[in-house]
């Protein structure tokens, strides 16, 4: 996502409509924290981790690409190749601001998320400069059904993935806030993006990022087992607290692959 506040108006629904969409679509309480029964979730491993990506296909996921209706996977943008969830642009002549998000089928509230990713290849022709080796995962997001057809980004909390350019510092696991705000160091912050303290990851190496999400209280970004960014009280622009929501993977014009997307639910008492 662009590291500037001018994108906020392109992705944020009017506060009242967004609040209605977030809650009514899920048939959930006003807190929007409800989760579907465990029977609808893939089986957890012995250590409690649930694979959201099965390594075979996109079952359980639905694409939403700017300018296209929900479910239309323009250009076969999201695909599985050699067991990897791949975001590719060989079906595009020009990127033409066709930002994409691949939504998981159910919302979550209190959990730990672990993702392995790597940037590959060249950016799509016409991709914006800021999107070079740039992607991310959106948390506490609005439902895909509530997005407008021409909406670029879901209102959400973004854990931004950045790849190094080969020289200089470019941290990953940053924070961006399309249609949202957070409290950082005790102060409500309205800036669009905040850098983490992670190191830079150059080249096409695999990178593992973890996120600890505790409802509407605390969100922590971790790299190599260390917290690199922490904030509290995720909320919509109008101040409505976000205690849960959708999870989606981004397509912002640079090819990226994911070989692991998994989640561990946190017990209610641990999430307090």
Protein backbone atom coordinates (compact mmCIF):
# COMPACT_ATOMS: atom_id res chain seq x y z
CA UNK A 1 0.00 0.00 0.00
CA UNK A 2 1.23 3.55 -0.66
CA UNK A 3 3.00 5.13 2.27
CA UNK A 4 0.91 8.32 2.22
CA UNK A 5 -2.41 9.42 3.61
CA UNK A 6 -3.91 10.37 0.24
CA UNK A 7 -4.98 6.77 -0.35
CA UNK A 8 -7.35 6.74 2.62
CA UNK A 9 -10.22 8.36 0.72
CA UNK A 10 -10.02 5.70 -1.99
CA UNK A 11 -10.53 2.79 0.36
CA UNK A 12 -12.71 3.98 3.24
CA UNK A 13 -16.47 3.55 3.09
CA UNK A 14 -18.58 6.18 4.86
CA UNK A 15 -18.26 5.30 8.54
CA UNK A 16 -21.93 4.47 9.09
CA UNK A 17 -22.18 2.23 6.01
CA UNK A 18 -18.94 0.47 6.82
CA UNK A 19 -20.02 -0.25 10.39
CA UNK A 20 -23.31 -1.69 9.13
CA UNK A 21 -21.54 -3.77 6.50
CA UNK A 22 -18.97 -5.10 8.94
CA UNK A 23 -21.56 -6.31 11.42
CA UNK A 24 -24.73 -7.14 9.53
CA UNK A 25 -23.03 -9.25 6.87
CA UNK A 26 -21.64 -11.58 9.54
CA UNK A 27 -24.91 -11.74 11.55
CA UNK A 28 -22.67 -11.03 14.52
CA UNK A 29 -22.92 -8.82 17.60
CA UNK A 30 -21.99 -5.14 17.30
CA UNK A 31 -18.43 -5.94 18.34
CA UNK A 32 -18.06 -7.98 15.12
CA UNK A 33 -15.96 -10.45 17.10
CA UNK A 34 -17.90 -13.64 16.33
CA UNK A 35 -16.13 -16.53 14.65
CA UNK A 36 -17.69 -19.44 12.77
CA UNK A 37 -17.82 -22.84 14.46
CA UNK A 38 -14.58 -24.79 14.56
CA UNK A 39 -16.20 -27.47 12.38
CA UNK A 40 -16.02 -25.05 9.42
CA UNK A 41 -12.30 -24.45 9.96
CA UNK A 42 -9.53 -26.80 8.75
CA UNK A 43 -8.31 -29.20 11.42
CA UNK A 44 -5.62 -27.83 13.70
CA UNK A 45 -2.25 -29.54 14.03
CA UNK A 46 -1.14 -30.97 17.36
CA UNK A 47 0.44 -27.62 18.24
CA UNK A 48 -2.78 -25.73 17.50
CA UNK A 49 -1.80 -24.16 14.16
CA UNK A 50 -4.56 -24.20 11.52
CA UNK A 51 -3.45 -24.09 7.85
CA UNK A 52 -5.50 -21.46 6.01
CA UNK A 53 -3.76 -22.38 2.73
CA UNK A 54 -3.83 -26.09 1.90
CA UNK A 55 -0.97 -26.10 -0.63
CA UNK A 56 -3.23 -27.49 -3.37
CA UNK A 57 -5.85 -24.90 -4.36
CA UNK A 58 -7.61 -21.73 -3.23
CA UNK A 59 -10.43 -23.48 -1.40
CA UNK A 60 -11.66 -21.24 1.40
CA UNK A 61 -10.50 -18.03 -0.30
CA UNK A 62 -12.26 -15.51 -2.57
CA UNK A 63 -10.62 -12.79 -4.72
CA UNK A 64 -11.70 -9.16 -4.97
CA UNK A 65 -9.90 -7.07 -7.59
CA UNK A 66 -10.53 -3.36 -8.13
CA UNK A 67 -13.02 -2.84 -10.95
CA UNK A 68 -14.32 -6.41 -10.93
CA UNK A 69 -17.09 -8.16 -9.00
CA UNK A 70 -16.30 -10.29 -5.98
CA UNK A 71 -15.04 -13.71 -7.02
CA UNK A 72 -13.71 -12.71 -10.45
CA UNK A 73 -10.02 -13.60 -10.55
CA UNK A 74 -8.95 -11.30 -13.39
CA UNK A 75 -5.88 -12.52 -15.25
CA UNK A 76 -5.64 -15.55 -12.96
CA UNK A 77 -3.92 -13.18 -10.55
CA UNK A 78 -4.25 -15.53 -7.58
CA UNK A 79 -3.22 -19.13 -8.30
CA UNK A 80 -1.41 -22.13 -6.87
CA UNK A 81 1.86 -23.12 -8.59
CA UNK A 82 4.10 -25.93 -7.34
CA UNK A 83 2.31 -25.93 -4.01
CA UNK A 84 2.75 -22.16 -3.52
CA UNK A 85 0.01 -19.55 -3.32
CA UNK A 86 1.20 -17.22 -6.08
CA UNK A 87 0.26 -13.68 -7.06
CA UNK A 88 1.23 -13.18 -10.71
CA UNK A 89 0.63 -10.66 -13.50
CA UNK A 90 1.45 -12.52 -16.72
CA UNK A 91 -2.22 -12.06 -17.69
CA UNK A 92 -1.94 -8.24 -17.56
CA UNK A 93 -0.91 -5.88 -20.36
CA UNK A 94 -0.83 -3.04 -17.82
CA UNK A 95 -1.49 -3.11 -14.10
CA UNK A 96 -3.92 -0.18 -14.43
CA UNK A 97 -4.57 0.16 -10.67
CA UNK A 98 -6.15 -3.28 -10.43
CA UNK A 99 -5.32 -3.79 -6.75
CA UNK A 100 -6.36 -7.20 -5.51
CA UNK A 101 -7.12 -8.91 -2.21
CA UNK A 102 -7.64 -12.59 -1.59
CA UNK A 103 -10.02 -12.97 1.36
CA UNK A 104 -10.18 -15.94 3.70
CA UNK A 105 -13.72 -17.26 4.11
CA UNK A 106 -14.28 -16.37 7.76
CA UNK A 107 -13.38 -13.61 10.22
CA UNK A 108 -11.23 -14.02 13.32
CA UNK A 109 -10.74 -12.00 16.49
CA UNK A 110 -8.04 -13.37 18.82
CA UNK A 111 -5.24 -15.30 17.19
CA UNK A 112 -1.63 -15.60 16.13
CA UNK A 113 -0.99 -15.52 12.38
CA UNK A 114 2.16 -16.89 10.70
CA UNK A 115 2.96 -16.23 7.04
CA UNK A 116 5.97 -17.18 4.90
CA UNK A 117 6.41 -15.10 1.75
CA UNK A 118 8.95 -14.16 -0.88
CA UNK A 119 8.97 -11.57 -3.68
CA UNK A 120 9.82 -12.90 -7.13
CA UNK A 121 10.30 -11.62 -10.65
CA UNK A 122 9.60 -8.16 -12.00
CA UNK A 123 6.85 -5.71 -11.16
CA UNK A 124 3.86 -5.63 -13.51
CA UNK A 125 4.02 -2.96 -16.25
CA UNK A 126 2.38 0.23 -15.02
CA UNK A 127 2.61 -0.69 -11.35
CA UNK A 128 3.09 2.36 -9.08
CA UNK A 129 6.62 3.07 -7.89
CA UNK A 130 5.73 2.66 -4.23
CA UNK A 131 4.44 -0.88 -4.93
CA UNK A 132 7.84 -2.27 -5.95
CA UNK A 133 8.41 -5.38 -3.77
CA UNK A 134 5.40 -4.33 -1.70
CA UNK A 135 2.52 -6.48 -0.45
CA UNK A 136 0.87 -7.33 2.86
CA UNK A 137 -1.86 -9.00 4.84
CA UNK A 138 -4.99 -7.13 5.92
CA UNK A 139 -6.45 -7.85 9.38
CA UNK A 140 -9.66 -6.79 11.15
CA UNK A 141 -10.96 -5.97 7.66
CA UNK A 142 -14.40 -5.31 6.31
CA UNK A 143 -16.18 -8.19 4.59
CA UNK A 144 -15.39 -8.66 0.89
CA UNK A 145 -19.14 -8.45 0.17
CA UNK A 146 -19.22 -4.91 1.58
CA UNK A 147 -16.49 -3.60 -0.74
CA UNK A 148 -17.49 -1.40 -3.64
CA UNK A 149 -16.54 -2.67 -7.10
CA UNK A 150 -14.06 0.18 -7.66
CA UNK A 151 -12.66 0.22 -4.09
CA UNK A 152 -8.88 -0.22 -3.99
CA UNK A 153 -8.37 -1.48 -0.43
CA UNK A 154 -10.63 -2.85 2.32
CA UNK A 155 -10.89 -0.77 5.47
CA UNK A 156 -8.53 -2.77 7.66
CA UNK A 157 -5.26 -2.96 9.56
CA UNK A 158 -2.44 -3.82 7.15
CA UNK A 159 0.73 -5.65 8.11
CA UNK A 160 2.86 -4.40 5.22
CA UNK A 161 5.49 -6.64 3.59
CA UNK A 162 8.41 -4.87 1.92
CA UNK A 163 11.37 -6.41 0.14
CA UNK A 164 14.78 -4.77 0.05
CA UNK A 165 15.96 -3.17 -3.19
CA UNK A 166 19.48 -4.60 -2.85
CA UNK A 167 20.91 -1.59 -1.05
CA UNK A 168 19.84 0.49 1.93
CA UNK A 169 17.34 -0.16 4.67
CA UNK A 170 13.73 -1.11 3.99
CA UNK A 171 12.06 -2.76 6.98
CA UNK A 172 9.14 -5.17 6.66
CA UNK A 173 6.19 -5.99 8.96
CA UNK A 174 5.21 -2.32 8.94
CA UNK A 175 1.75 -0.89 9.66
CA UNK A 176 -0.60 0.82 7.19
CA UNK A 177 -4.13 1.92 8.01
CA UNK A 178 -6.62 2.17 5.11
CA UNK A 179 -9.78 3.62 6.63
CA UNK A 180 -8.52 3.01 10.16
CA UNK A 181 -6.46 4.43 13.04
CA UNK A 182 -4.56 2.88 15.97
CA UNK A 183 -3.13 4.02 19.28
CA UNK A 184 0.68 4.00 19.21
CA UNK A 185 2.78 4.84 22.27
CA UNK A 186 -0.37 5.99 24.03
CA UNK A 187 -1.41 8.44 21.30
CA UNK A 188 -4.02 8.09 18.56
CA UNK A 189 -2.07 8.13 15.30
CA UNK A 190 -3.66 9.05 11.99
CA UNK A 191 -0.60 8.74 9.75
CA UNK A 192 -1.10 6.17 7.05
CA UNK A 193 2.04 4.04 7.52
CA UNK A 194 4.42 3.38 10.41
CA UNK A 195 7.72 1.54 10.00
CA UNK A 196 8.72 -1.39 12.20
CA UNK A 197 12.18 -1.98 13.65
CA UNK A 198 12.79 -5.09 11.54
CA UNK A 199 15.89 -5.62 9.48
CA UNK A 200 15.83 -5.49 5.67
CA UNK A 201 15.32 -8.68 3.64
CA UNK A 202 16.87 -8.40 0.18
CA UNK A 203 16.47 -10.71 -2.80
CA UNK A 204 14.04 -13.60 -3.19
CA UNK A 205 14.65 -15.20 0.21
CA UNK A 206 11.75 -16.63 2.20
CA UNK A 207 10.65 -14.38 5.03
CA UNK A 208 8.47 -15.37 8.00
CA UNK A 209 6.30 -12.80 9.73
CA UNK A 210 4.05 -13.41 12.72
CA UNK A 211 1.25 -11.24 14.08
CA UNK A 212 -0.34 -11.57 17.51
CA UNK A 213 -3.87 -10.18 17.45
CA UNK A 214 -5.81 -9.70 20.67
CA UNK A 215 -9.19 -8.44 19.55
CA UNK A 216 -9.62 -4.71 19.95
CA UNK A 217 -6.79 -4.44 22.47
CA UNK A 218 -3.26 -5.14 21.23
CA UNK A 219 -1.66 -6.13 17.92
CA UNK A 220 2.02 -7.09 17.77
CA UNK A 221 4.20 -7.68 14.68
CA UNK A 222 7.05 -10.16 15.17
CA UNK A 223 10.11 -11.01 13.09
CA UNK A 224 12.46 -13.81 14.07
CA UNK A 225 10.62 -14.12 17.40
CA UNK A 226 11.05 -10.45 18.33
CA UNK A 227 8.37 -7.77 18.52
CA UNK A 228 9.16 -5.12 15.89
CA UNK A 229 5.95 -3.07 16.21
CA UNK A 230 3.12 -2.92 18.76
CA UNK A 231 -0.04 -0.82 18.98
CA UNK A 232 -3.49 -0.89 20.55
CA UNK A 233 -7.16 0.00 19.97
CA UNK A 234 -7.52 -0.63 16.21
CA UNK A 235 -10.50 1.41 15.05
CA UNK A 236 -12.34 2.81 12.07
CA UNK A 237 -11.79 6.45 11.14
CA UNK A 238 -14.94 7.32 13.11
CA UNK A 239 -13.55 5.75 16.29
CA UNK A 240 -15.53 2.48 16.15
CA UNK A 241 -13.34 -0.14 17.83
CA UNK A 242 -12.43 -3.15 15.67
CA UNK A 243 -12.38 -6.40 17.64
CA UNK A 244 -12.30 -8.80 14.69
CA UNK A 245 -12.69 -8.99 10.95
CA UNK A 246 -11.54 -10.45 7.67
CA UNK A 247 -8.02 -11.57 6.72
CA UNK A 248 -6.84 -10.95 3.15
CA UNK A 249 -3.60 -11.17 1.15
CA UNK A 250 -2.66 -8.33 -1.18
CA UNK A 251 -1.87 -8.05 -4.88
CA UNK A 252 -0.27 -4.65 -5.47
CA UNK A 253 1.60 -5.22 -8.79
CA UNK A 254 4.76 -7.08 -7.67
CA UNK A 255 4.68 -10.91 -7.90
CA UNK A 256 4.81 -12.64 -4.54
CA UNK A 257 4.49 -16.21 -3.30
CA UNK A 258 3.25 -17.64 -0.01
CA UNK A 259 4.19 -21.14 1.12
CA UNK A 260 2.59 -20.99 4.56
CA UNK A 261 -0.44 -19.12 5.87
CA UNK A 262 -1.51 -20.50 9.23
CA UNK A 263 -3.37 -19.34 12.30
CA UNK A 264 -3.57 -20.35 15.95
CA UNK A 265 -6.60 -19.21 17.90
CA UNK A 266 -5.86 -17.71 21.31
CA UNK A 267 -7.94 -18.90 24.28
CA UNK A 268 -10.38 -16.29 25.56
CA UNK A 269 -8.48 -15.89 28.83
CA UNK A 270 -5.20 -15.43 26.95
CA UNK A 271 -6.76 -12.78 24.75
CA UNK A 272 -7.69 -10.61 27.73
